[in-house]
Amino acid sequence: MPIGAYLSGGLDSSVVTALTSRIARSRLRTFSVAFESDEFDETPFQQEMVRALGTEHAATTCTTYDIGRLFPAVVRHAERPILRTAPAPLFALSRLVRERGFKVVLTGEGADEVFAGYDIFKEAKIRRFAARSPSAAWRALLLRRLYPYLPSLQAQPQQYLATFFGSRPGDLDDPLFSHLPRFRTTSHGKAFFSGDLRSEIGGYDALADLRDMLPEAFTRWHPLSQAQYLETAHLLPGYILSAQGDRVAMAHAVEGRFPFLDRRVVEFAGRIPPQLKLSVLREKHILKEATRDLLPPVIANRPKQPYRAPDAEAFFGPGAPDYVEEVLSPRAIADTGIFDPRAVTRLADKCRRLRSVSTRDGMALVGILSAQLWADAFLKLQTTQDATVARLRNAPEPLSHLT
C-alpha cells in the first residue's frame, strides 16, 4: 500500500518526512495545505523541504471562505461542537490525498506533546518566573515575544497583556496553573449560554472535575511534566487526534499514522529530563539537536509556529456561506435552546463589523456556530427518529412487511 506524508513546513512533519524518505522504496509523496494569508501560510518552508528531499509534492490552497463552506461537513464528521476552524483545511487536505490514490499518511502529531514544543510550555515557565516580580514591566514584553505570529495579541497594550497572562492569588498553587489563561479564554463561551442551560448546569465546575481526575502524584511532578500531561491526556485525544485528526481524515477514507506517538518513543521521552526538552525557552531542544543533520538550517532553526486557520472571518463578508445567517438567526438560536439569542446577535454583529476579533470572541463564535450545526445534524435527527419509532409502535397494522 503506498504511504504518503503530510508536510506542514514545521519541524515535526519535516523530521518524519526526512526519515521516511531514507527508507522509502520509491519517491515519497508529500501533501500540504496553503493559505491566502501570510499569517497562516507556510508554503515557503514546505517548498524548502520538498527541494531538500526531492519528494513528489501536492498542495491544496484553502481560502478563508472555503473554510466556511466546508465547516458544516467538518462538524458532521467530528460529531461534536468545536472551538476552532483548523480541522476544515485538513478536511480538504485529506480529500486531496484520496484523490491522488493514497489511503495512509504519516504526520508529525505528538511531537509537541511528547518533546515540549507548544508555546504554552514556555508561557507557563515565564508566568511562574514573573510571578516573583508581578509589577515588573518586562513581563508583558517577554510574553509578547512568544507570539510574533498573533497580530491581534501584538496590538494589545502592555496592561492588557500583563492582566491576561498575569497570575491571580492562588494560581501558583493550582495544579492547572500552566493552562489557566487558556481555560479562562475558552470559558468566555459560557457568557452566551441561555438561561435554561445556565439553570440546568447550576454550579457545575468543569475545572474542579479535572483537578479530581489528576494522578495522585501530579503535584509532585516537575511543572513542565504537569503541563505536558494536561496537553497529552486531554487536548491530544479529544481534539488533535480526533476532530482535527482521524475524523477529518477518515471523512475521505484516509488513515493518519503518528510515529511520534509510538509507544516506545513516548516511553523513552518520558525518561528525558524536562530541562532537555525545554532548555531555557528553546522548545523541543533535544529533538532539534538529534535531528539537526536531517533538515535544512532554515527548518531546523525555525521558531515554533503552530498550525492555525482563519476563524470568525470565514463566516462573514461578501463570500461567506449563506447558511451562517440562518444558523445564527435569533429564531434558530431560540429553537435550539443552548444559547441566548440577544447575546449571540451582539457577538455576530461585532464579528461582522471588525476585520479581526479577539481570540476569545473568535472561539466563542466558532463554538456557537458549530454547536448550532451539530444540534441541527444530530439532535433534530434524533427527534425525527424518535417520532418515527413512536408512530411505528402505535401503527394499527402489523409491521412484518418492514422486516
Protein backbone atom coordinates (compact mmCIF):
# COMPACT_ATOMS: atom_id res chain seq x y z
CA MET A 1 0.00 0.00 0.00
CA PRO A 2 1.50 3.41 -0.93
CA ILE A 3 2.11 5.71 2.04
CA GLY A 4 2.36 9.48 1.86
CA ALA A 5 3.26 12.14 4.40
CA TYR A 6 1.80 15.44 5.49
CA LEU A 7 4.38 18.22 5.23
CA SER A 8 3.47 21.39 7.11
CA GLY A 9 6.88 23.04 6.92
CA GLY A 10 7.42 22.78 10.66
CA LEU A 11 10.00 20.70 12.50
CA ASP A 12 7.85 17.68 13.33
CA SER A 13 6.43 16.78 9.93
CA SER A 14 9.80 17.61 8.36
CA VAL A 15 11.59 15.12 10.62
CA VAL A 16 9.02 12.42 9.85
CA THR A 17 9.29 13.12 6.12
CA ALA A 18 13.09 13.16 6.16
CA LEU A 19 13.33 9.84 7.99
CA THR A 20 10.68 8.24 5.79
CA SER A 21 12.46 9.41 2.64
CA ARG A 22 15.54 7.46 3.73
CA ILE A 23 13.71 4.14 3.82
CA ALA A 24 11.03 4.62 1.16
CA ARG A 25 11.32 2.22 -1.77
CA SER A 26 10.25 4.89 -4.21
CA ARG A 27 10.00 8.66 -4.35
CA LEU A 28 7.95 9.77 -1.33
CA ARG A 29 4.67 11.60 -1.93
CA THR A 30 4.01 14.58 0.33
CA PHE A 31 0.91 16.72 0.83
CA SER A 32 0.31 20.12 2.39
CA VAL A 33 -2.18 22.95 2.89
CA ALA A 34 -1.59 26.50 1.69
CA PHE A 35 -3.44 29.66 2.77
CA GLU A 36 -4.06 33.03 1.14
CA SER A 37 -2.79 35.00 4.12
CA ASP A 38 0.88 35.10 5.14
CA GLU A 39 -0.31 34.96 8.74
CA PHE A 40 -1.26 31.30 8.26
CA ASP A 41 0.61 30.17 5.15
CA GLU A 42 3.80 28.11 5.44
CA THR A 43 4.34 27.36 1.75
CA PRO A 44 7.96 28.64 1.59
CA PHE A 45 9.00 26.23 4.33
CA GLN A 46 7.13 23.36 2.74
CA GLN A 47 8.86 24.02 -0.56
CA GLU A 48 12.23 24.17 1.20
CA MET A 49 11.71 20.61 2.44
CA VAL A 50 10.42 19.42 -0.94
CA ARG A 51 13.60 20.72 -2.61
CA ALA A 52 15.83 19.25 0.08
CA LEU A 53 14.27 15.78 -0.04
CA GLY A 54 13.09 15.64 -3.64
CA THR A 55 9.60 14.45 -2.75
CA GLU A 56 6.72 14.41 -5.19
CA HIS A 57 4.56 17.11 -3.69
CA ALA A 58 0.94 18.23 -3.96
CA ALA A 59 -0.77 21.08 -2.13
CA THR A 60 -4.29 22.39 -1.77
CA THR A 61 -4.99 26.07 -1.18
CA CYS A 62 -7.76 26.59 1.34
CA THR A 63 -9.26 30.07 1.16
CA THR A 64 -10.94 31.77 4.08
CA TYR A 65 -14.36 31.19 2.56
CA ASP A 66 -13.51 27.59 1.70
CA ILE A 67 -13.27 27.10 5.44
CA GLY A 68 -16.77 28.49 5.95
CA ARG A 69 -18.13 26.36 3.14
CA LEU A 70 -16.56 23.14 4.49
CA PHE A 71 -17.38 23.78 8.13
CA PRO A 72 -20.81 22.05 8.30
CA ALA A 73 -19.30 18.84 6.86
CA VAL A 74 -16.45 19.07 9.36
CA VAL A 75 -18.89 19.33 12.27
CA ARG A 76 -20.90 16.38 10.97
CA HIS A 77 -17.81 14.22 10.80
CA ALA A 78 -16.48 15.45 14.15
CA GLU A 79 -19.88 14.70 15.71
CA ARG A 80 -19.27 17.36 18.35
CA PRO A 81 -19.03 21.15 18.66
CA ILE A 82 -15.52 22.55 18.17
CA LEU A 83 -13.91 25.87 19.02
CA ARG A 84 -11.56 26.20 16.05
CA THR A 85 -11.86 26.04 12.27
CA ALA A 86 -8.43 24.37 11.92
CA PRO A 87 -9.94 20.94 11.09
CA ALA A 88 -11.52 22.36 7.90
CA PRO A 89 -8.31 22.78 5.87
CA LEU A 90 -7.22 19.29 6.95
CA PHE A 91 -10.58 18.00 5.71
CA ALA A 92 -9.69 19.49 2.31
CA LEU A 93 -6.18 18.05 2.55
CA SER A 94 -7.41 14.50 3.17
CA ARG A 95 -9.66 14.86 0.14
CA LEU A 96 -6.59 15.74 -1.95
CA VAL A 97 -4.77 12.69 -0.58
CA ARG A 98 -7.68 10.44 -1.51
CA GLU A 99 -7.94 11.96 -4.98
CA ARG A 100 -4.26 11.15 -5.55
CA GLY A 101 -4.90 7.50 -4.70
CA PHE A 102 -3.43 7.37 -1.18
CA LYS A 103 -5.10 5.94 1.90
CA VAL A 104 -2.37 6.29 4.55
CA VAL A 105 -0.32 9.34 5.58
CA LEU A 106 2.36 9.86 8.19
CA THR A 107 2.14 13.04 10.25
CA GLY A 108 4.10 14.85 12.96
CA GLU A 109 1.35 14.85 15.59
CA GLY A 110 2.51 14.09 19.11
CA ALA A 111 5.97 15.66 18.98
CA ASP A 112 4.80 18.89 20.62
CA GLU A 113 3.21 16.99 23.50
CA VAL A 114 5.99 14.44 23.97
CA PHE A 115 9.01 16.74 23.49
CA ALA A 116 7.51 20.01 24.83
CA GLY A 117 7.01 22.05 21.68
CA TYR A 118 3.95 24.16 22.43
CA ASP A 119 4.25 27.84 23.28
CA ILE A 120 2.09 27.23 26.33
CA PHE A 121 5.02 25.41 27.96
CA LYS A 122 7.29 28.44 27.54
CA GLU A 123 4.46 30.75 28.54
CA ALA A 124 3.88 28.85 31.79
CA LYS A 125 7.59 28.98 32.60
CA ILE A 126 7.65 32.75 32.09
CA ARG A 127 4.48 33.22 34.13
CA ARG A 128 5.94 31.27 37.03
CA PHE A 129 9.13 33.30 36.85
CA ALA A 130 7.27 36.60 36.51
CA ALA A 131 5.01 35.80 39.47
CA ARG A 132 8.01 36.53 41.67
CA SER A 133 8.01 40.11 40.33
CA PRO A 134 4.35 40.77 39.48
CA SER A 135 4.85 44.50 38.90
CA ALA A 136 7.84 44.16 36.56
CA ALA A 137 7.24 45.99 33.27
CA TRP A 138 9.35 43.49 31.27
CA ARG A 139 6.91 40.67 31.96
CA ALA A 140 4.46 41.65 29.23
CA LEU A 141 7.33 42.42 26.83
CA LEU A 142 8.70 38.91 27.25
CA LEU A 143 5.29 37.32 26.72
CA ARG A 144 4.74 39.43 23.60
CA ARG A 145 7.89 37.89 22.09
CA LEU A 146 6.39 34.41 22.45
CA TYR A 147 3.63 35.10 19.94
CA PRO A 148 5.01 37.03 16.95
CA TYR A 149 2.51 35.20 14.71
CA LEU A 150 -0.54 36.66 16.52
CA PRO A 151 -1.20 40.20 15.19
CA SER A 152 -4.20 40.69 17.47
CA LEU A 153 -2.07 39.99 20.54
CA GLN A 154 0.78 42.20 19.32
CA ALA A 155 -1.66 45.08 19.01
CA GLN A 156 -2.77 44.85 22.63
CA PRO A 157 -1.43 47.39 25.17
CA GLN A 158 1.06 46.30 27.82
CA GLN A 159 -1.52 46.49 30.59
CA TYR A 160 -3.82 44.07 28.78
CA LEU A 161 -1.02 41.54 28.35
CA ALA A 162 0.03 41.90 31.96
CA THR A 163 -3.53 41.27 33.10
CA PHE A 164 -4.24 38.41 30.69
CA PHE A 165 -1.06 36.48 31.39
CA GLY A 166 -0.73 37.55 34.99
CA SER A 167 -1.19 35.23 37.94
CA ARG A 168 -4.10 35.71 40.31
CA PRO A 169 -3.92 34.92 44.04
CA GLY A 170 -3.73 31.16 44.44
CA ASP A 171 -2.80 30.44 40.83
CA LEU A 172 0.70 29.21 41.62
CA ASP A 173 -0.75 26.57 43.93
CA ASP A 174 -3.29 25.42 41.35
CA PRO A 175 -2.27 22.13 39.65
CA LEU A 176 -3.79 23.55 36.44
CA PHE A 177 -1.53 26.63 36.57
CA SER A 178 0.01 26.15 33.12
CA HIS A 179 -3.36 26.18 31.37
CA LEU A 180 -5.37 28.67 33.43
CA PRO A 181 -5.17 31.50 30.83
CA ARG A 182 -6.42 29.07 28.16
CA PHE A 183 -9.26 27.83 30.33
CA ARG A 184 -10.27 31.41 31.09
CA THR A 185 -10.28 32.23 27.38
CA THR A 186 -12.47 29.30 26.41
CA SER A 187 -14.80 29.90 29.36
CA HIS A 188 -15.87 33.13 27.62
CA GLY A 189 -18.22 30.95 25.59
CA LYS A 190 -20.34 30.37 28.68
CA ALA A 191 -21.35 34.04 28.60
CA PHE A 192 -23.61 33.17 25.65
CA PHE A 193 -25.47 30.28 27.29
CA SER A 194 -29.23 30.53 27.53
CA GLY A 195 -30.95 31.00 30.87
CA ASP A 196 -32.37 27.47 30.73
CA LEU A 197 -28.96 25.95 30.14
CA ARG A 198 -27.44 28.00 32.96
CA SER A 199 -30.15 26.73 35.30
CA GLU A 200 -29.56 23.15 34.24
CA ILE A 201 -25.78 23.41 34.70
CA GLY A 202 -26.15 25.10 38.05
CA GLY A 203 -22.89 25.32 39.95
CA TYR A 204 -21.06 22.68 37.93
CA ASP A 205 -17.32 23.38 37.80
CA ALA A 206 -15.50 21.58 34.97
CA LEU A 207 -12.07 22.57 36.29
CA ALA A 208 -12.87 21.07 39.69
CA ASP A 209 -13.75 17.86 37.90
CA LEU A 210 -10.46 17.99 36.02
CA ARG A 211 -8.48 18.52 39.22
CA ASP A 212 -10.17 15.48 40.75
CA MET A 213 -9.12 13.38 37.75
CA LEU A 214 -5.41 14.18 38.02
CA PRO A 215 -2.98 11.41 39.04
CA GLU A 216 -2.29 11.21 42.77
CA ALA A 217 1.36 12.22 42.40
CA PHE A 218 0.62 15.06 39.95
CA THR A 219 1.51 17.92 42.30
CA ARG A 220 4.95 16.40 42.90
CA TRP A 221 5.84 16.34 39.21
CA HIS A 222 8.05 18.91 37.51
CA PRO A 223 5.92 21.87 36.28
CA LEU A 224 6.75 21.06 32.65
CA SER A 225 5.65 17.45 33.14
CA GLN A 226 2.37 18.69 34.60
CA ALA A 227 1.72 20.89 31.59
CA GLN A 228 2.67 18.09 29.18
CA TYR A 229 0.26 15.73 30.91
CA LEU A 230 -2.64 18.17 30.55
CA GLU A 231 -1.95 18.54 26.83
CA THR A 232 -1.39 14.84 26.23
CA ALA A 233 -4.22 13.41 28.31
CA HIS A 234 -6.90 15.92 27.33
CA LEU A 235 -6.32 18.10 24.25
CA LEU A 236 -4.46 15.46 22.23
CA PRO A 237 -7.04 12.63 22.16
CA GLY A 238 -10.20 14.72 22.05
CA TYR A 239 -9.15 17.34 19.53
CA ILE A 240 -5.76 16.89 17.85
CA LEU A 241 -6.21 13.18 17.10
CA SER A 242 -9.97 13.25 16.74
CA ALA A 243 -11.75 16.37 15.44
CA GLN A 244 -8.57 17.67 13.76
CA GLY A 245 -7.17 14.22 13.02
CA ASP A 246 -8.99 10.95 12.41
CA ARG A 247 -12.44 12.48 11.91
CA VAL A 248 -11.49 14.74 9.00
CA ALA A 249 -9.05 12.21 7.53
CA MET A 250 -11.49 9.30 7.64
CA ALA A 251 -14.12 11.55 6.07
CA HIS A 252 -12.21 10.69 2.89
CA ALA A 253 -11.11 7.19 3.99
CA VAL A 254 -7.55 8.34 4.79
CA GLU A 255 -5.74 6.89 7.78
CA GLY A 256 -3.27 9.01 9.72
CA ARG A 257 -0.31 7.39 11.43
CA PHE A 258 1.77 9.12 14.08
CA PRO A 259 5.40 7.99 14.55
CA PHE A 260 5.98 10.35 17.48
CA LEU A 261 3.17 8.60 19.38
CA ASP A 262 4.71 5.15 19.02
CA ARG A 263 4.64 3.58 22.48
CA ARG A 264 8.41 3.16 22.54
CA VAL A 265 9.03 6.79 21.61
CA VAL A 266 6.62 8.04 24.27
CA GLU A 267 8.16 5.81 26.95
CA PHE A 268 11.67 6.95 26.01
CA ALA A 269 10.65 10.62 26.04
CA GLY A 270 9.11 10.15 29.46
CA ARG A 271 12.58 9.39 30.85
CA ILE A 272 14.18 12.52 29.38
CA PRO A 273 14.80 15.29 31.97
CA PRO A 274 12.50 18.29 31.48
CA GLN A 275 15.41 20.71 31.00
CA LEU A 276 16.47 18.79 27.89
CA LYS A 277 13.03 19.22 26.35
CA LEU A 278 12.60 22.90 27.19
CA SER A 279 16.09 24.38 27.51
CA VAL A 280 15.57 27.87 28.91
CA LEU A 281 12.98 28.92 26.26
CA ARG A 282 14.09 26.66 23.43
CA GLU A 283 11.26 24.22 22.76
CA LYS A 284 11.95 20.60 21.73
CA HIS A 285 15.63 21.16 22.45
CA ILE A 286 16.68 17.51 22.44
CA LEU A 287 14.64 16.71 19.33
CA LYS A 288 16.19 19.62 17.47
CA GLU A 289 19.69 18.55 18.45
CA ALA A 290 19.07 14.93 17.49
CA THR A 291 17.64 15.75 14.05
CA ARG A 292 19.71 18.79 13.07
CA ASP A 293 21.58 16.95 10.30
CA LEU A 294 18.34 15.74 8.70
CA LEU A 295 16.97 19.17 7.84
CA PRO A 296 17.91 22.39 6.07
CA PRO A 297 19.05 25.02 8.62
CA VAL A 298 16.04 27.24 7.89
CA ILE A 299 13.77 24.39 9.10
CA ALA A 300 15.99 23.10 11.90
CA ASN A 301 16.34 26.57 13.45
CA ARG A 302 12.85 27.79 12.71
CA PRO A 303 10.87 29.15 15.71
CA LYS A 304 7.69 27.30 16.54
CA GLN A 305 4.65 28.43 14.55
CA PRO A 306 1.59 26.35 15.41
CA TYR A 307 -0.84 25.27 12.74
CA ARG A 308 -3.72 27.75 12.63
CA ALA A 309 -6.53 28.78 10.29
CA PRO A 310 -8.83 31.82 9.92
CA ASP A 311 -11.70 31.67 12.38
CA ALA A 312 -14.54 34.22 12.58
CA GLU A 313 -13.62 35.91 9.30
CA ALA A 314 -14.52 32.71 7.43
CA PHE A 315 -18.21 33.26 8.20
CA PHE A 316 -18.82 36.95 7.41
CA GLY A 317 -18.31 39.12 4.36
CA PRO A 318 -19.25 39.07 0.68
CA GLY A 319 -18.00 35.50 0.14
CA ALA A 320 -19.41 34.00 3.33
CA PRO A 321 -21.66 30.92 3.01
CA ASP A 322 -25.42 31.53 3.10
CA TYR A 323 -26.14 29.11 5.95
CA VAL A 324 -24.40 31.30 8.56
CA GLU A 325 -27.13 33.95 8.81
CA GLU A 326 -29.81 31.28 9.13
CA VAL A 327 -27.96 29.21 11.73
CA LEU A 328 -27.18 32.30 13.84
CA SER A 329 -30.62 33.92 13.47
CA PRO A 330 -32.47 34.66 16.72
CA ARG A 331 -35.18 32.17 15.74
CA ALA A 332 -32.69 29.34 15.13
CA ILE A 333 -30.79 30.12 18.33
CA ALA A 334 -34.00 30.17 20.35
CA ASP A 335 -35.23 26.91 18.78
CA THR A 336 -32.04 25.08 19.74
CA GLY A 337 -32.13 26.48 23.28
CA ILE A 338 -28.39 26.29 24.00
CA PHE A 339 -27.56 29.97 23.66
CA ASP A 340 -29.14 33.35 24.34
CA PRO A 341 -30.35 34.90 21.06
CA ARG A 342 -29.62 38.50 22.03
CA ALA A 343 -26.08 37.72 23.21
CA VAL A 344 -25.33 35.76 20.03
CA THR A 345 -26.70 38.58 17.85
CA ARG A 346 -24.39 41.08 19.57
CA LEU A 347 -21.39 38.80 19.02
CA ALA A 348 -22.28 38.19 15.36
CA ASP A 349 -22.71 41.93 14.77
CA LYS A 350 -19.29 42.54 16.31
CA CYS A 351 -17.70 39.94 14.06
CA ARG A 352 -19.35 41.49 11.00
CA ARG A 353 -18.08 44.99 11.84
CA LEU A 354 -14.49 44.21 12.73
CA ARG A 355 -11.85 42.97 10.35
CA SER A 356 -10.44 40.78 13.11
CA VAL A 357 -11.77 39.87 16.53
CA SER A 358 -10.09 38.72 19.71
CA THR A 359 -9.15 35.08 20.19
CA ARG A 360 -11.81 34.57 22.81
CA ASP A 361 -14.57 36.14 20.68
CA GLY A 362 -13.44 34.10 17.69
CA MET A 363 -13.50 30.87 19.68
CA ALA A 364 -16.91 31.74 21.11
CA LEU A 365 -18.31 32.43 17.63
CA VAL A 366 -16.94 29.18 16.19
CA GLY A 367 -18.17 27.27 19.23
CA ILE A 368 -21.68 28.69 18.91
CA LEU A 369 -21.84 28.10 15.18
CA SER A 370 -20.53 24.53 15.47
CA ALA A 371 -22.93 23.75 18.32
CA GLN A 372 -25.83 25.00 16.22
CA LEU A 373 -24.71 22.91 13.24
CA TRP A 374 -24.18 19.89 15.50
CA ALA A 375 -27.65 20.27 17.00
CA ASP A 376 -29.20 20.59 13.56
CA ALA A 377 -27.37 17.50 12.31
CA PHE A 378 -27.84 15.23 15.31
CA LEU A 379 -30.40 16.44 17.85
CA LYS A 380 -33.09 17.14 15.26
CA LEU A 381 -32.26 13.85 13.55
CA GLN A 382 -32.70 12.03 16.85
CA THR A 383 -36.02 13.78 17.44
CA THR A 384 -37.21 12.71 13.98
CA GLN A 385 -36.09 9.13 14.59
CA ASP A 386 -37.82 9.01 17.97
CA ALA A 387 -41.04 10.32 16.41
CA THR A 388 -40.83 7.71 13.64
CA VAL A 389 -40.32 4.89 16.13
CA ALA A 390 -43.29 6.12 18.17
CA ARG A 391 -45.51 6.19 15.08
CA LEU A 392 -44.47 2.67 14.11
CA ARG A 393 -45.13 1.35 17.59
CA ASN A 394 -48.63 2.82 17.50
CA ALA A 395 -49.38 1.69 13.96
CA PRO A 396 -52.62 -0.32 13.70
CA GLU A 397 -51.26 -2.66 11.02
CA PRO A 398 -48.68 -5.41 11.58
CA LEU A 399 -45.14 -4.31 10.82
CA SER A 400 -43.87 -7.60 9.41
CA HIS A 401 -43.66 -6.07 5.95
CA LEU A 402 -40.95 -3.73 7.20
CA THR A 403 -38.56 -6.53 8.23
